[in-house]
Amino acid sequence: MAEGTYLDSILAYHRERAKNDLRSLNQLLAKISTEEIKSPTFQDQILAEKGLSVIAEIKRRSPSKGNLKGNLDAVALSQTYEGAGAACISVLTDSEHFSGSKEDLMNVRRSVDVPILRKDFTVDFRDICDAKLMGADCVLLIVAALEKKLLAEFIEFCEYLNLDALVEAHDEAEVEIALNSGAKMIGINQRDLNTFEVDQKRALRVVSEIPEHIAKVAESGIRSPADAEPLKAAGFDAVLIGESLVKSDSPDELIIQFRDL
């Protein structure tokens, strides 16, 4: 990983935040034990769709493009997504780099019934507990951000908490690490997290390395149904779409177009 990249900066922020977090893991687990623990639903939902499932994202800004929609109403947009047939909703909770918040996720959780992904940079077991307490059904685990042993432990911990894990890879080597770590759902991010540039052919090149029984999600650079069509043909179960929906004047119509493929 190159020094001084976007990913370096973001991970440094989250690791420092975790280092300064005085809460104990046992304290968080005690809170979770009093909550209703339901079975994972995120992966089941994207696999239940007859066509291509849409994971619609609540995303206010990105490090590379700045503000996408400053006046974004997370609740209203999530309800639009659900009404249009989105299988699941992804909510950014990183405040420093994406202007997201845990309040966004909690408010969306109270407003929709579909499963929710907490989209953030998971670096600590407490991050996973927080996702559960916020009401998320799934967490993002990025292969490039975690040591192999820790990735496997995080996947196992998610299973313990009845959370699904979307394990994100960028190339064949990372797919192999994800599989060896116990991933049941793999996302191929077409955005290079070091440069934030998008390679729209990346997912098509890598998908053959993922076994048929593993749920497959394509992420980033999917702007139109024309971008998604070859991904569906290649065997992807779902596409995660953020910027295109957030900036669209008719996100509901765009979701329907993706689902009609």
Protein backbone atom coordinates (compact mmCIF):
# COMPACT_ATOMS: atom_id res chain seq x y z
CA MET A 1 0.00 0.00 0.00
CA ALA A 2 1.52 3.27 -1.10
CA GLU A 3 2.40 5.81 1.56
CA GLY A 4 0.25 8.92 1.84
CA THR A 5 -2.79 7.55 0.01
CA TYR A 6 -6.48 8.18 0.70
CA LEU A 7 -6.72 4.80 2.41
CA ASP A 8 -3.70 5.49 4.62
CA SER A 9 -5.25 8.73 5.82
CA ILE A 10 -8.69 7.27 6.47
CA LEU A 11 -7.36 4.21 8.31
CA ALA A 12 -5.01 6.33 10.43
CA TYR A 13 -7.99 8.41 11.53
CA HIS A 14 -10.09 5.37 12.46
CA ARG A 15 -7.25 3.57 14.24
CA GLU A 16 -6.49 6.66 16.31
CA ARG A 17 -10.18 7.00 17.14
CA ALA A 18 -10.28 3.35 18.27
CA LYS A 19 -7.11 3.84 20.33
CA ASN A 20 -8.73 6.72 22.20
CA ASP A 21 -12.05 4.91 22.72
CA LEU A 22 -12.23 4.15 26.45
CA ARG A 23 -15.25 1.84 26.21
CA SER A 24 -14.58 -1.82 26.90
CA LEU A 25 -15.75 -4.56 24.58
CA ASN A 26 -17.54 -6.23 27.49
CA GLN A 27 -19.54 -3.07 28.15
CA LEU A 28 -20.79 -3.05 24.58
CA LEU A 29 -21.52 -6.78 24.57
CA ALA A 30 -23.59 -6.32 27.73
CA LYS A 31 -25.72 -3.75 25.93
CA ILE A 32 -26.18 -6.04 22.97
CA SER A 33 -27.25 -8.93 25.16
CA THR A 34 -30.30 -6.88 26.19
CA GLU A 35 -31.25 -6.20 22.58
CA GLU A 36 -33.27 -8.50 20.37
CA ILE A 37 -30.74 -10.47 18.32
CA LYS A 38 -32.27 -11.44 15.01
CA SER A 39 -30.89 -13.69 12.32
CA PRO A 40 -28.84 -12.12 9.53
CA THR A 41 -31.00 -10.87 6.70
CA PHE A 42 -28.77 -8.78 4.43
CA GLN A 43 -27.27 -11.61 2.40
CA ASP A 44 -30.56 -13.50 2.33
CA GLN A 45 -32.29 -10.44 0.92
CA ILE A 46 -29.93 -9.88 -1.99
CA LEU A 47 -30.06 -13.57 -2.88
CA ALA A 48 -33.87 -13.64 -2.70
CA GLU A 49 -34.28 -11.18 -5.58
CA LYS A 50 -35.13 -12.75 -8.93
CA GLY A 51 -33.09 -10.23 -10.88
CA LEU A 52 -30.15 -8.03 -9.95
CA SER A 53 -30.44 -6.76 -6.38
CA VAL A 54 -29.78 -3.09 -5.68
CA ILE A 55 -27.99 -1.96 -2.53
CA ALA A 56 -28.81 1.74 -2.50
CA GLU A 57 -26.44 4.01 -0.60
CA ILE A 58 -26.88 7.09 1.57
CA LYS A 59 -23.73 9.06 0.79
CA ARG A 60 -23.26 12.79 1.43
CA ARG A 61 -19.72 13.27 0.15
CA SER A 62 -16.53 11.47 -0.84
CA PRO A 63 -12.85 12.32 -0.27
CA SER A 64 -12.19 12.53 -4.00
CA LYS A 65 -15.31 14.39 -5.21
CA GLY A 66 -16.34 16.47 -2.22
CA ASN A 67 -19.99 17.14 -1.46
CA LEU A 68 -22.40 15.06 -3.51
CA LYS A 69 -25.61 16.41 -2.01
CA GLY A 70 -25.20 18.71 0.93
CA ASN A 71 -28.90 18.90 1.82
CA LEU A 72 -29.40 15.15 1.70
CA ASP A 73 -32.30 13.93 3.86
CA ALA A 74 -31.24 10.40 4.84
CA VAL A 75 -34.70 9.32 5.99
CA ALA A 76 -36.57 10.63 2.96
CA LEU A 77 -34.03 9.19 0.54
CA SER A 78 -34.02 5.79 2.25
CA GLN A 79 -37.80 5.66 2.02
CA THR A 80 -37.59 6.49 -1.67
CA TYR A 81 -35.05 3.69 -2.11
CA GLU A 82 -37.24 1.18 -0.29
CA GLY A 83 -40.34 2.24 -2.20
CA ALA A 84 -38.55 1.69 -5.50
CA GLY A 85 -37.60 -1.85 -4.54
CA ALA A 86 -34.03 -1.57 -3.27
CA ALA A 87 -33.13 -4.89 -1.65
CA CYS A 88 -30.94 -3.27 1.01
CA ILE A 89 -29.65 0.15 2.01
CA SER A 90 -26.05 1.15 2.71
CA VAL A 91 -25.44 4.05 5.11
CA LEU A 92 -22.08 5.82 5.44
CA THR A 93 -21.31 6.55 9.09
CA ASP A 94 -17.79 7.98 8.65
CA SER A 95 -18.11 11.66 9.65
CA GLU A 96 -14.58 12.86 8.93
CA HIS A 97 -14.29 11.82 5.29
CA PHE A 98 -17.85 11.13 4.10
CA SER A 99 -19.98 13.43 6.32
CA GLY A 100 -21.97 10.44 7.52
CA SER A 101 -23.07 9.70 11.08
CA LYS A 102 -24.42 7.00 13.34
CA GLU A 103 -27.55 9.17 13.62
CA ASP A 104 -28.09 8.75 9.88
CA LEU A 105 -28.07 4.97 10.25
CA MET A 106 -30.26 4.95 13.35
CA ASN A 107 -32.79 7.29 11.74
CA VAL A 108 -32.87 5.18 8.58
CA ARG A 109 -33.30 2.03 10.68
CA ARG A 110 -36.41 3.51 12.27
CA SER A 111 -37.81 4.49 8.88
CA VAL A 112 -37.39 1.41 6.66
CA ASP A 113 -37.79 -2.35 6.95
CA VAL A 114 -35.12 -3.51 4.48
CA PRO A 115 -31.71 -4.69 5.77
CA ILE A 116 -29.02 -2.07 6.32
CA LEU A 117 -25.26 -2.13 5.77
CA ARG A 118 -23.11 0.04 8.01
CA LYS A 119 -20.62 1.40 5.49
CA ASP A 120 -17.51 2.40 7.40
CA PHE A 121 -13.88 1.45 7.98
CA THR A 122 -14.05 -1.34 10.55
CA VAL A 123 -10.78 -1.57 12.50
CA ASP A 124 -11.88 -2.69 15.96
CA PHE A 125 -14.26 -5.24 17.52
CA ARG A 126 -16.10 -2.32 19.09
CA ASP A 127 -16.90 -0.98 15.62
CA ILE A 128 -18.84 -4.19 14.98
CA CYS A 129 -20.66 -3.88 18.31
CA ASP A 130 -21.54 -0.28 17.46
CA ALA A 131 -22.99 -1.39 14.12
CA LYS A 132 -25.22 -3.89 15.93
CA LEU A 133 -26.35 -1.28 18.46
CA MET A 134 -27.12 1.21 15.67
CA GLY A 135 -29.45 -1.33 14.10
CA ALA A 136 -27.32 -2.46 11.16
CA ASP A 137 -27.74 -5.94 9.69
CA CYS A 138 -24.34 -6.04 7.98
CA VAL A 139 -20.88 -4.52 8.32
CA LEU A 140 -18.19 -3.80 5.75
CA LEU A 141 -14.82 -5.53 6.22
CA ILE A 142 -12.10 -4.36 3.84
CA VAL A 143 -9.37 -6.91 3.11
CA ALA A 144 -6.83 -4.18 2.30
CA ALA A 145 -7.41 -2.57 5.70
CA LEU A 146 -7.00 -5.64 7.92
CA GLU A 147 -4.40 -8.25 8.77
CA LYS A 148 -5.49 -11.75 7.72
CA LYS A 149 -5.88 -13.02 11.29
CA LEU A 150 -7.95 -10.02 12.32
CA LEU A 151 -10.18 -10.31 9.25
CA ALA A 152 -10.98 -13.93 10.13
CA GLU A 153 -11.67 -12.95 13.74
CA PHE A 154 -13.96 -10.11 12.65
CA ILE A 155 -15.95 -12.45 10.39
CA GLU A 156 -16.35 -14.92 13.25
CA PHE A 157 -17.37 -12.11 15.62
CA CYS A 158 -20.01 -10.91 13.14
CA GLU A 159 -21.45 -14.43 13.07
CA TYR A 160 -21.53 -14.45 16.87
CA LEU A 161 -23.56 -11.23 16.83
CA ASN A 162 -25.79 -12.47 13.98
CA LEU A 163 -24.48 -9.80 11.63
CA ASP A 164 -23.66 -10.40 8.00
CA ALA A 165 -20.24 -9.30 6.74
CA LEU A 166 -19.67 -7.86 3.30
CA VAL A 167 -15.98 -8.60 2.75
CA GLU A 168 -14.52 -6.18 0.22
CA ALA A 169 -11.73 -7.18 -2.16
CA HIS A 170 -10.05 -5.45 -5.09
CA ASP A 171 -8.16 -8.22 -6.87
CA GLU A 172 -7.67 -11.98 -7.08
CA ALA A 173 -5.21 -12.11 -4.18
CA GLU A 174 -7.64 -10.31 -1.87
CA VAL A 175 -10.48 -12.60 -2.94
CA GLU A 176 -8.34 -15.57 -1.90
CA ILE A 177 -7.69 -13.96 1.49
CA ALA A 178 -11.42 -13.27 1.92
CA LEU A 179 -12.32 -16.88 1.13
CA ASN A 180 -9.63 -18.30 3.42
CA SER A 181 -10.92 -16.04 6.19
CA GLY A 182 -14.43 -17.47 5.97
CA ALA A 183 -16.23 -14.84 3.88
CA LYS A 184 -19.71 -15.81 2.70
CA MET A 185 -20.38 -12.57 0.81
CA ILE A 186 -17.70 -10.78 -1.20
CA GLY A 187 -17.86 -7.31 -2.70
CA ILE A 188 -15.54 -6.35 -5.53
CA ASN A 189 -14.79 -2.66 -5.26
CA GLN A 190 -13.87 -1.21 -8.64
CA ARG A 191 -12.48 1.88 -6.92
CA ASP A 192 -8.80 1.78 -6.00
CA LEU A 193 -8.78 2.89 -2.36
CA ASN A 194 -5.26 4.25 -2.70
CA THR A 195 -5.99 6.59 -5.64
CA PHE A 196 -9.83 6.55 -5.59
CA GLU A 197 -9.78 5.98 -9.36
CA VAL A 198 -12.39 3.59 -10.82
CA ASP A 199 -11.69 0.68 -13.15
CA GLN A 200 -15.06 -0.44 -14.50
CA LYS A 201 -13.67 -3.76 -15.77
CA ARG A 202 -12.17 -4.81 -12.43
CA ALA A 203 -15.22 -6.72 -11.17
CA LEU A 204 -15.54 -8.63 -14.45
CA ARG A 205 -11.89 -9.69 -14.26
CA VAL A 206 -12.07 -10.89 -10.67
CA VAL A 207 -15.50 -12.54 -10.43
CA SER A 208 -14.31 -15.87 -11.83
CA GLU A 209 -12.22 -16.34 -8.66
CA ILE A 210 -15.34 -16.34 -6.46
CA PRO A 211 -17.09 -19.72 -6.01
CA GLU A 212 -20.71 -19.99 -7.08
CA HIS A 213 -22.03 -20.45 -3.53
CA ILE A 214 -20.56 -17.13 -2.35
CA ALA A 215 -22.81 -14.06 -2.66
CA LYS A 216 -21.26 -11.54 -5.06
CA VAL A 217 -21.62 -7.75 -4.92
CA ALA A 218 -20.15 -5.27 -7.42
CA GLU A 219 -19.25 -1.87 -5.99
CA SER A 220 -18.29 1.56 -7.38
CA GLY A 221 -18.38 3.01 -10.88
CA ILE A 222 -21.84 1.65 -11.66
CA ARG A 223 -23.61 4.69 -13.03
CA SER A 224 -26.28 3.24 -15.29
CA PRO A 225 -28.07 -0.01 -16.15
CA ALA A 226 -25.65 -0.33 -19.08
CA ASP A 227 -22.80 -0.58 -16.55
CA ALA A 228 -24.69 -3.17 -14.51
CA GLU A 229 -25.84 -5.44 -17.34
CA PRO A 230 -22.46 -7.18 -17.92
CA LEU A 231 -22.06 -7.56 -14.15
CA LYS A 232 -25.35 -9.42 -13.92
CA ALA A 233 -24.37 -11.59 -16.89
CA ALA A 234 -21.05 -12.40 -15.16
CA GLY A 235 -22.83 -13.75 -12.09
CA PHE A 236 -23.05 -10.85 -9.65
CA ASP A 237 -26.04 -11.03 -7.32
CA ALA A 238 -26.13 -7.35 -6.43
CA VAL A 239 -24.75 -3.93 -7.24
CA LEU A 240 -24.01 -1.27 -4.64
CA ILE A 241 -24.84 2.16 -6.02
CA GLY A 242 -24.21 5.44 -4.25
CA GLU A 243 -23.21 8.55 -6.17
CA SER A 244 -25.51 7.97 -9.16
CA LEU A 245 -28.56 7.60 -6.94
CA VAL A 246 -27.70 10.44 -4.58
CA LYS A 247 -27.18 12.88 -7.46
CA SER A 248 -30.16 11.68 -9.49
CA ASP A 249 -33.33 13.76 -9.69
CA SER A 250 -35.29 10.48 -9.90
CA PRO A 251 -33.46 7.84 -7.85
CA ASP A 252 -36.60 5.71 -7.68
CA GLU A 253 -36.80 5.44 -11.47
CA LEU A 254 -33.10 4.60 -11.67
CA ILE A 255 -33.47 1.78 -9.15
CA ILE A 256 -36.37 0.34 -11.13
CA GLN A 257 -34.24 0.41 -14.29
CA PHE A 258 -31.48 -1.54 -12.55
CA ARG A 259 -33.95 -4.08 -11.18
CA ASP A 260 -35.54 -4.59 -14.60
CA LEU A 261 -32.31 -5.89 -16.13
